[in-house]
PDB file of all heavy atoms in Angstrom:
ATOM      1  N   PRO A   1      43.816  98.576  65.225  1.00  0.00           N
ATOM      2  CA  PRO A   1      43.559  97.178  64.850  1.00  0.00           C
ATOM      3  C   PRO A   1      44.783  96.274  64.929  1.00  0.00           C
ATOM      4  O   PRO A   1      44.653  95.051  64.850  1.00  0.00           O
ATOM      5  CB  PRO A   1      43.073  97.296  63.396  1.00  0.00           C
ATOM      6  CG  PRO A   1      42.628  98.707  63.240  1.00  0.00           C
ATOM      7  CD  PRO A   1      43.546  99.500  64.113  1.00  0.00           C
ATOM      8  N   PHE A   2      45.969  96.851  65.080  1.00  0.00           N
ATOM      9  CA  PHE A   2      47.206  96.063  65.015  1.00  0.00           C
ATOM     10  C   PHE A   2      47.982  96.052  66.327  1.00  0.00           C
ATOM     11  O   PHE A   2      49.063  95.484  66.407  1.00  0.00           O
ATOM     12  CB  PHE A   2      48.101  96.619  63.892  1.00  0.00           C
ATOM     13  CG  PHE A   2      47.355  96.917  62.635  1.00  0.00           C
ATOM     14  CD1 PHE A   2      46.966  98.218  62.326  1.00  0.00           C
ATOM     15  CD2 PHE A   2      46.998  95.900  61.764  1.00  0.00           C
ATOM     16  CE1 PHE A   2      46.254  98.500  61.171  1.00  0.00           C
ATOM     17  CE2 PHE A   2      46.281  96.171  60.607  1.00  0.00           C
ATOM     18  CZ  PHE A   2      45.909  97.472  60.316  1.00  0.00           C
ATOM     19  N   GLN A   3      47.423  96.648  67.364  1.00  0.00           N
ATOM     20  CA  GLN A   3      48.168  96.809  68.602  1.00  0.00           C
ATOM     21  C   GLN A   3      48.406  95.503  69.344  1.00  0.00           C
ATOM     22  O   GLN A   3      49.394  95.376  70.077  1.00  0.00           O
ATOM     23  CB  GLN A   3      47.450  97.812  69.514  1.00  0.00           C
ATOM     24  CG  GLN A   3      47.477  99.239  68.986  1.00  0.00           C
ATOM     25  CD  GLN A   3      46.734 100.218  69.882  1.00  0.00           C
ATOM     26  OE1 GLN A   3      46.309  99.864  70.980  1.00  0.00           O
ATOM     27  NE2 GLN A   3      46.557 101.446  69.399  1.00  0.00           N
ATOM     28  N   ALA A   4      47.536  94.515  69.143  1.00  0.00           N
ATOM     29  CA  ALA A   4      47.680  93.249  69.870  1.00  0.00           C
ATOM     30  C   ALA A   4      48.976  92.528  69.512  1.00  0.00           C
ATOM     31  O   ALA A   4      49.539  91.795  70.331  1.00  0.00           O
ATOM     32  CB  ALA A   4      46.487  92.343  69.582  1.00  0.00           C
ATOM     33  N   GLY A   5      49.473  92.743  68.293  1.00  0.00           N
ATOM     34  CA  GLY A   5      50.672  92.045  67.857  1.00  0.00           C
ATOM     35  C   GLY A   5      51.956  92.814  68.071  1.00  0.00           C
ATOM     36  O   GLY A   5      53.024  92.383  67.632  1.00  0.00           O
ATOM     37  N   ILE A   6      51.876  93.953  68.748  1.00  0.00           N
ATOM     38  CA  ILE A   6      53.055  94.793  68.951  1.00  0.00           C
ATOM     39  C   ILE A   6      53.804  94.364  70.211  1.00  0.00           C
ATOM     40  O   ILE A   6      53.196  94.145  71.259  1.00  0.00           O
ATOM     41  CB  ILE A   6      52.645  96.275  69.045  1.00  0.00           C
ATOM     42  CG1 ILE A   6      51.997  96.713  67.729  1.00  0.00           C
ATOM     43  CG2 ILE A   6      53.844  97.152  69.359  1.00  0.00           C
ATOM     44  CD1 ILE A   6      51.371  98.092  67.782  1.00  0.00           C
ATOM     45  N   ALA A   7      55.114  94.237  70.087  1.00  0.00           N
ATOM     46  CA  ALA A   7      55.931  93.803  71.221  1.00  0.00           C
ATOM     47  C   ALA A   7      55.844  94.814  72.362  1.00  0.00           C
ATOM     48  O   ALA A   7      55.660  96.014  72.142  1.00  0.00           O
ATOM     49  CB  ALA A   7      57.380  93.638  70.783  1.00  0.00           C
ATOM     50  N   GLU A   8      55.987  94.310  73.582  1.00  0.00           N
ATOM     51  CA  GLU A   8      55.920  95.172  74.756  1.00  0.00           C
ATOM     52  C   GLU A   8      56.995  96.267  74.682  1.00  0.00           C
ATOM     53  O   GLU A   8      58.149  96.004  74.365  1.00  0.00           O
ATOM     54  CB  GLU A   8      56.117  94.329  76.019  1.00  0.00           C
ATOM     55  CG  GLU A   8      55.928  95.115  77.305  1.00  0.00           C
ATOM     56  CD  GLU A   8      56.020  94.251  78.549  1.00  0.00           C
ATOM     57  OE1 GLU A   8      56.095  93.003  78.397  1.00  0.00           O
ATOM     58  OE2 GLU A   8      56.023  94.808  79.654  1.00  0.00           O
ATOM     59  N   GLY A   9      56.569  97.474  74.962  1.00  0.00           N
ATOM     60  CA  GLY A   9      57.497  98.600  74.934  1.00  0.00           C
ATOM     61  C   GLY A   9      57.656  99.244  73.576  1.00  0.00           C
ATOM     62  O   GLY A   9      58.375 100.233  73.433  1.00  0.00           O
ATOM     63  N   LYS A  10      56.980  98.693  72.559  1.00  0.00           N
ATOM     64  CA  LYS A  10      57.110  99.226  71.203  1.00  0.00           C
ATOM     65  C   LYS A  10      55.880 100.010  70.754  1.00  0.00           C
ATOM     66  O   LYS A  10      55.806 100.449  69.613  1.00  0.00           O
ATOM     67  CB  LYS A  10      57.368  98.084  70.207  1.00  0.00           C
ATOM     68  CG  LYS A  10      58.675  97.338  70.448  1.00  0.00           C
ATOM     69  CD  LYS A  10      59.882  98.253  70.266  1.00  0.00           C
ATOM     70  CE  LYS A  10      61.180  97.495  70.422  1.00  0.00           C
ATOM     71  NZ  LYS A  10      62.375  98.361  70.250  1.00  0.00           N
ATOM     72  N   LEU A  11      54.901 100.148  71.634  1.00  0.00           N
ATOM     73  CA  LEU A  11      53.728 100.967  71.348  1.00  0.00           C
ATOM     74  C   LEU A  11      53.841 102.236  72.183  1.00  0.00           C
ATOM     75  O   LEU A  11      53.874 102.182  73.408  1.00  0.00           O
ATOM     76  CB  LEU A  11      52.437 100.213  71.699  1.00  0.00           C
ATOM     77  CG  LEU A  11      51.127 100.968  71.464  1.00  0.00           C
ATOM     78  CD1 LEU A  11      50.929 101.276  69.987  1.00  0.00           C
ATOM     79  CD2 LEU A  11      49.938 100.156  71.994  1.00  0.00           C
ATOM     80  N   TYR A  12      53.907 103.375  71.514  1.00  0.00           N
ATOM     81  CA  TYR A  12      54.212 104.626  72.192  1.00  0.00           C
ATOM     82  C   TYR A  12      52.969 105.493  72.342  1.00  0.00           C
ATOM     83  O   TYR A  12      52.056 105.448  71.505  1.00  0.00           O
ATOM     84  CB  TYR A  12      55.286 105.382  71.421  1.00  0.00           C
ATOM     85  CG  TYR A  12      56.493 104.543  71.101  1.00  0.00           C
ATOM     86  CD1 TYR A  12      56.864 104.287  69.785  1.00  0.00           C
ATOM     87  CD2 TYR A  12      57.254 103.975  72.124  1.00  0.00           C
ATOM     88  CE1 TYR A  12      57.963 103.502  69.487  1.00  0.00           C
ATOM     89  CE2 TYR A  12      58.363 103.180  71.836  1.00  0.00           C
ATOM     90  CZ  TYR A  12      58.707 102.948  70.507  1.00  0.00           C
ATOM     91  OH  TYR A  12      59.793 102.163  70.228  1.00  0.00           O
ATOM     92  N   THR A  13      52.941 106.274  73.400  1.00  0.00           N
ATOM     93  CA  THR A  13      51.836 107.208  73.574  1.00  0.00           C
ATOM     94  C   THR A  13      51.992 108.344  72.575  1.00  0.00           C
ATOM     95  O   THR A  13      53.078 108.607  72.048  1.00  0.00           O
ATOM     96  CB  THR A  13      51.817 107.794  75.000  1.00  0.00           C
ATOM     97  OG1 THR A  13      52.980 108.624  75.184  1.00  0.00           O
ATOM     98  CG2 THR A  13      51.797 106.687  76.048  1.00  0.00           C
ATOM     99  N   GLN A  14      50.886 109.043  72.345  1.00  0.00           N
ATOM    100  CA  GLN A  14      50.931 110.178  71.427  1.00  0.00           C
ATOM    101  C   GLN A  14      51.874 111.255  71.954  1.00  0.00           C
ATOM    102  O   GLN A  14      52.573 111.920  71.172  1.00  0.00           O
ATOM    103  CB  GLN A  14      49.520 110.735  71.230  1.00  0.00           C
ATOM    104  CG  GLN A  14      48.591 109.762  70.523  1.00  0.00           C
ATOM    105  CD  GLN A  14      47.159 110.249  70.440  1.00  0.00           C
ATOM    106  OE1 GLN A  14      46.869 111.407  70.743  1.00  0.00           O
ATOM    107  NE2 GLN A  14      46.260 109.382  70.023  1.00  0.00           N
ATOM    108  N   GLU A  15      51.925 111.410  73.261  1.00  0.00           N
ATOM    109  CA  GLU A  15      52.796 112.417  73.862  1.00  0.00           C
ATOM    110  C   GLU A  15      54.273 112.062  73.644  1.00  0.00           C
ATOM    111  O   GLU A  15      55.091 112.937  73.328  1.00  0.00           O
ATOM    112  CB  GLU A  15      52.500 112.550  75.358  1.00  0.00           C
ATOM    113  CG  GLU A  15      51.149 113.157  75.692  1.00  0.00           C
ATOM    114  CD  GLU A  15      49.982 112.205  75.438  1.00  0.00           C
ATOM    115  OE1 GLU A  15      50.208 110.959  75.413  1.00  0.00           O
ATOM    116  OE2 GLU A  15      48.844 112.701  75.260  1.00  0.00           O
ATOM    117  N   GLN A  16      54.617 110.763  73.803  1.00  0.00           N
ATOM    118  CA  GLN A  16      55.995 110.320  73.561  1.00  0.00           C
ATOM    119  C   GLN A  16      56.402 110.592  72.117  1.00  0.00           C
ATOM    120  O   GLN A  16      57.486 111.123  71.843  1.00  0.00           O
ATOM    121  CB  GLN A  16      56.130 108.817  73.844  1.00  0.00           C
ATOM    122  CG  GLN A  16      56.185 108.427  75.302  1.00  0.00           C
ATOM    123  CD  GLN A  16      56.259 106.921  75.457  1.00  0.00           C
ATOM    124  OE1 GLN A  16      55.422 106.180  74.921  1.00  0.00           O
ATOM    125  NE2 GLN A  16      57.239 106.435  76.206  1.00  0.00           N
ATOM    126  N   THR A  17      55.520 110.209  71.212  1.00  0.00           N
ATOM    127  CA  THR A  17      55.821 110.386  69.794  1.00  0.00           C
ATOM    128  C   THR A  17      55.976 111.856  69.440  1.00  0.00           C
ATOM    129  O   THR A  17      56.905 112.242  68.720  1.00  0.00           O
ATOM    130  CB  THR A  17      54.717 109.742  68.935  1.00  0.00           C
ATOM    131  OG1 THR A  17      54.742 108.320  69.145  1.00  0.00           O
ATOM    132  CG2 THR A  17      54.917 110.031  67.453  1.00  0.00           C
ATOM    133  N   ALA A  18      55.078 112.692  69.942  1.00  0.00           N
ATOM    134  CA  ALA A  18      55.155 114.127  69.652  1.00  0.00           C
ATOM    135  C   ALA A  18      56.454 114.723  70.167  1.00  0.00           C
ATOM    136  O   ALA A  18      57.109 115.515  69.469  1.00  0.00           O
ATOM    137  CB  ALA A  18      53.961 114.844  70.266  1.00  0.00           C
ATOM    138  N   GLU A  19      56.848 114.354  71.369  1.00  0.00           N
ATOM    139  CA  GLU A  19      58.094 114.881  71.940  1.00  0.00           C
ATOM    140  C   GLU A  19      59.294 114.495  71.082  1.00  0.00           C
ATOM    141  O   GLU A  19      60.195 115.304  70.833  1.00  0.00           O
ATOM    142  CB  GLU A  19      58.276 114.365  73.372  1.00  0.00           C
ATOM    143  CG  GLU A  19      57.322 115.002  74.380  1.00  0.00           C
ATOM    144  CD  GLU A  19      57.523 114.463  75.789  1.00  0.00           C
ATOM    145  OE1 GLU A  19      58.487 113.675  75.984  1.00  0.00           O
ATOM    146  OE2 GLU A  19      56.736 114.840  76.680  1.00  0.00           O
ATOM    147  N   ARG A  20      59.308 113.257  70.619  1.00  0.00           N
ATOM    148  CA  ARG A  20      60.425 112.790  69.798  1.00  0.00           C
ATOM    149  C   ARG A  20      60.452 113.499  68.454  1.00  0.00           C
ATOM    150  O   ARG A  20      61.525 113.939  67.990  1.00  0.00           O
ATOM    151  CB  ARG A  20      60.302 111.271  69.594  1.00  0.00           C
ATOM    152  CG  ARG A  20      60.541 110.461  70.855  1.00  0.00           C
ATOM    153  CD  ARG A  20      60.047 109.042  70.673  1.00  0.00           C
ATOM    154  NE  ARG A  20      60.432 108.186  71.792  1.00  0.00           N
ATOM    155  CZ  ARG A  20      59.994 106.947  71.961  1.00  0.00           C
ATOM    156  NH1 ARG A  20      59.157 106.426  71.076  1.00  0.00           N
ATOM    157  NH2 ARG A  20      60.393 106.237  72.996  1.00  0.00           N
ATOM    158  N   LEU A  21      59.297 113.581  67.801  1.00  0.00           N
ATOM    159  CA  LEU A  21      59.241 114.194  66.479  1.00  0.00           C
ATOM    160  C   LEU A  21      59.615 115.677  66.530  1.00  0.00           C
ATOM    161  O   LEU A  21      60.354 116.172  65.673  1.00  0.00           O
ATOM    162  CB  LEU A  21      57.850 114.018  65.875  1.00  0.00           C
ATOM    163  CG  LEU A  21      57.414 112.579  65.570  1.00  0.00           C
ATOM    164  CD1 LEU A  21      55.980 112.563  65.051  1.00  0.00           C
ATOM    165  CD2 LEU A  21      58.352 111.929  64.558  1.00  0.00           C
ATOM    166  N   VAL A  22      59.100 116.379  67.520  1.00  0.00           N
ATOM    167  CA  VAL A  22      59.411 117.806  67.647  1.00  0.00           C
ATOM    168  C   VAL A  22      60.893 117.993  67.943  1.00  0.00           C
ATOM    169  O   VAL A  22      61.544 118.896  67.398  1.00  0.00           O
ATOM    170  CB  VAL A  22      58.537 118.459  68.737  1.00  0.00           C
ATOM    171  CG1 VAL A  22      59.031 119.875  69.058  1.00  0.00           C
ATOM    172  CG2 VAL A  22      57.077 118.508  68.279  1.00  0.00           C
ATOM    173  N   SER A  23      61.444 117.141  68.793  1.00  0.00           N
ATOM    174  CA  SER A  23      62.863 117.238  69.127  1.00  0.00           C
ATOM    175  C   SER A  23      63.733 117.041  67.890  1.00  0.00           C
ATOM    176  O   SER A  23      64.689 117.799  67.656  1.00  0.00           O
ATOM    177  CB  SER A  23      63.232 116.204  70.191  1.00  0.00           C
ATOM    178  OG  SER A  23      64.611 116.214  70.462  1.00  0.00           O
ATOM    179  N   VAL A  24      63.410 116.019  67.088  1.00  0.00           N
ATOM    180  CA  VAL A  24      64.185 115.765  65.867  1.00  0.00           C
ATOM    181  C   VAL A  24      64.023 116.919  64.885  1.00  0.00           C
ATOM    182  O   VAL A  24      64.995 117.379  64.283  1.00  0.00           O
ATOM    183  CB  VAL A  24      63.765 114.430  65.221  1.00  0.00           C
ATOM    184  CG1 VAL A  24      64.384 114.285  63.831  1.00  0.00           C
ATOM    185  CG2 VAL A  24      64.185 113.259  66.098  1.00  0.00           C
ATOM    186  N   MET A  25      62.795 117.405  64.721  1.00  0.00           N
ATOM    187  CA  MET A  25      62.546 118.510  63.795  1.00  0.00           C
ATOM    188  C   MET A  25      63.380 119.733  64.159  1.00  0.00           C
ATOM    189  O   MET A  25      64.023 120.353  63.306  1.00  0.00           O
ATOM    190  CB  MET A  25      61.067 118.863  63.792  1.00  0.00           C
ATOM    191  CG  MET A  25      60.688 120.020  62.870  1.00  0.00           C
ATOM    192  SD  MET A  25      60.849 121.659  63.651  1.00  0.00           S
ATOM    193  CE  MET A  25      59.499 121.608  64.830  1.00  0.00           C
ATOM    194  N   LYS A  26      63.404 120.067  65.431  1.00  0.00           N
ATOM    195  CA  LYS A  26      64.126 121.268  65.856  1.00  0.00           C
ATOM    196  C   LYS A  26      65.633 121.104  65.707  1.00  0.00           C
ATOM    197  O   LYS A  26      66.358 122.097  65.571  1.00  0.00           O
ATOM    198  CB  LYS A  26      63.757 121.614  67.298  1.00  0.00           C
ATOM    199  CG  LYS A  26      62.322 122.115  67.436  1.00  0.00           C
ATOM    200  CD  LYS A  26      62.010 122.615  68.837  1.00  0.00           C
ATOM    201  CE  LYS A  26      60.611 123.223  68.896  1.00  0.00           C
ATOM    202  NZ  LYS A  26      60.282 123.773  70.226  1.00  0.00           N
ATOM    203  N   GLY A  27      66.094 119.865  65.703  1.00  0.00           N
ATOM    204  CA  GLY A  27      67.523 119.630  65.595  1.00  0.00           C
ATOM    205  C   GLY A  27      67.998 119.223  64.209  1.00  0.00           C
ATOM    206  O   GLY A  27      69.161 118.840  64.040  1.00  0.00           O
ATOM    207  N   LEU A  28      67.116 119.283  63.203  1.00  0.00           N
ATOM    208  CA  LEU A  28      67.501 118.865  61.851  1.00  0.00           C
ATOM    209  C   LEU A  28      68.691 119.662  61.331  1.00  0.00           C
ATOM    210  O   LEU A  28      68.774 120.878  61.516  1.00  0.00           O
ATOM    211  CB  LEU A  28      66.315 119.033  60.896  1.00  0.00           C
ATOM    212  CG  LEU A  28      65.189 118.005  60.995  1.00  0.00           C
ATOM    213  CD1 LEU A  28      64.031 118.397  60.083  1.00  0.00           C
ATOM    214  CD2 LEU A  28      65.679 116.602  60.670  1.00  0.00           C
ATOM    215  N   SER A  29      69.591 118.950  60.654  1.00  0.00           N
ATOM    216  CA  SER A  29      70.776 119.580  60.084  1.00  0.00           C
ATOM    217  C   SER A  29      70.810 119.329  58.579  1.00  0.00           C
ATOM    218  O   SER A  29      70.167 118.394  58.079  1.00  0.00           O
ATOM    219  CB  SER A  29      72.033 119.002  60.730  1.00  0.00           C
ATOM    220  OG  SER A  29      72.157 117.621  60.422  1.00  0.00           O
ATOM    221  N   PRO A  30      71.555 120.132  57.819  1.00  0.00           N
ATOM    222  CA  PRO A  30      71.629 119.960  56.370  1.00  0.00           C
ATOM    223  C   PRO A  30      72.065 118.558  55.948  1.00  0.00           C
ATOM    224  O   PRO A  30      71.685 118.090  54.871  1.00  0.00           O
ATOM    225  CB  PRO A  30      72.662 121.018  55.952  1.00  0.00           C
ATOM    226  CG  PRO A  30      72.546 122.088  56.988  1.00  0.00           C
ATOM    227  CD  PRO A  30      72.285 121.347  58.269  1.00  0.00           C
ATOM    228  N   GLU A  31      72.851 117.873  56.766  1.00  0.00           N
ATOM    229  CA  GLU A  31      73.309 116.520  56.439  1.00  0.00           C
ATOM    230  C   GLU A  31      72.151 115.527  56.356  1.00  0.00           C
ATOM    231  O   GLU A  31      72.273 114.472  55.738  1.00  0.00           O
ATOM    232  CB  GLU A  31      74.319 116.027  57.480  1.00  0.00           C
ATOM    233  CG  GLU A  31      75.644 116.768  57.482  1.00  0.00           C
ATOM    234  CD  GLU A  31      75.554 118.157  58.091  1.00  0.00           C
ATOM    235  OE1 GLU A  31      74.618 118.401  58.893  1.00  0.00           O
ATOM    236  OE2 GLU A  31      76.402 119.011  57.768  1.00  0.00           O
ATOM    237  N   GLN A  32      71.026 115.860  56.973  1.00  0.00           N
ATOM    238  CA  GLN A  32      69.864 114.963  56.962  1.00  0.00           C
ATOM    239  C   GLN A  32      68.906 115.258  55.814  1.00  0.00           C
ATOM    240  O   GLN A  32      67.923 114.538  55.642  1.00  0.00           O
ATOM    241  CB  GLN A  32      69.121 115.085  58.303  1.00  0.00           C
ATOM    242  CG  GLN A  32      69.920 114.579  59.498  1.00  0.00           C
ATOM    243  CD  GLN A  32      69.284 114.963  60.823  1.00  0.00           C
ATOM    244  OE1 GLN A  32      69.115 116.150  61.108  1.00  0.00           O
ATOM    245  NE2 GLN A  32      68.929 113.974  61.629  1.00  0.00           N
ATOM    246  N   ASN A  33      69.178 116.266  55.043  1.00  0.00           N
ATOM    247  CA  ASN A  33      68.276 116.660  53.954  1.00  0.00           C
ATOM    248  C   ASN A  33      68.033 115.501  52.985  1.00  0.00           C
ATOM    249  O   ASN A  33      68.971 114.851  52.530  1.00  0.00           O
ATOM    250  CB  ASN A  33      68.878 117.840  53.186  1.00  0.00           C
ATOM    251  CG  ASN A  33      67.894 118.452  52.205  1.00  0.00           C
ATOM    252  OD1 ASN A  33      66.701 118.555  52.484  1.00  0.00           O
ATOM    253  ND2 ASN A  33      68.395 118.873  51.052  1.00  0.00           N
TER     254      ASN A  33
END
């Protein structure tokens, strides 16, 4: 319902988001706790 107001390039595909989240998760360090 909110996609019409999103700036170009700021709406990500599910695949893009999953890749980013998994990458960050696998690289988490104690400093980020």
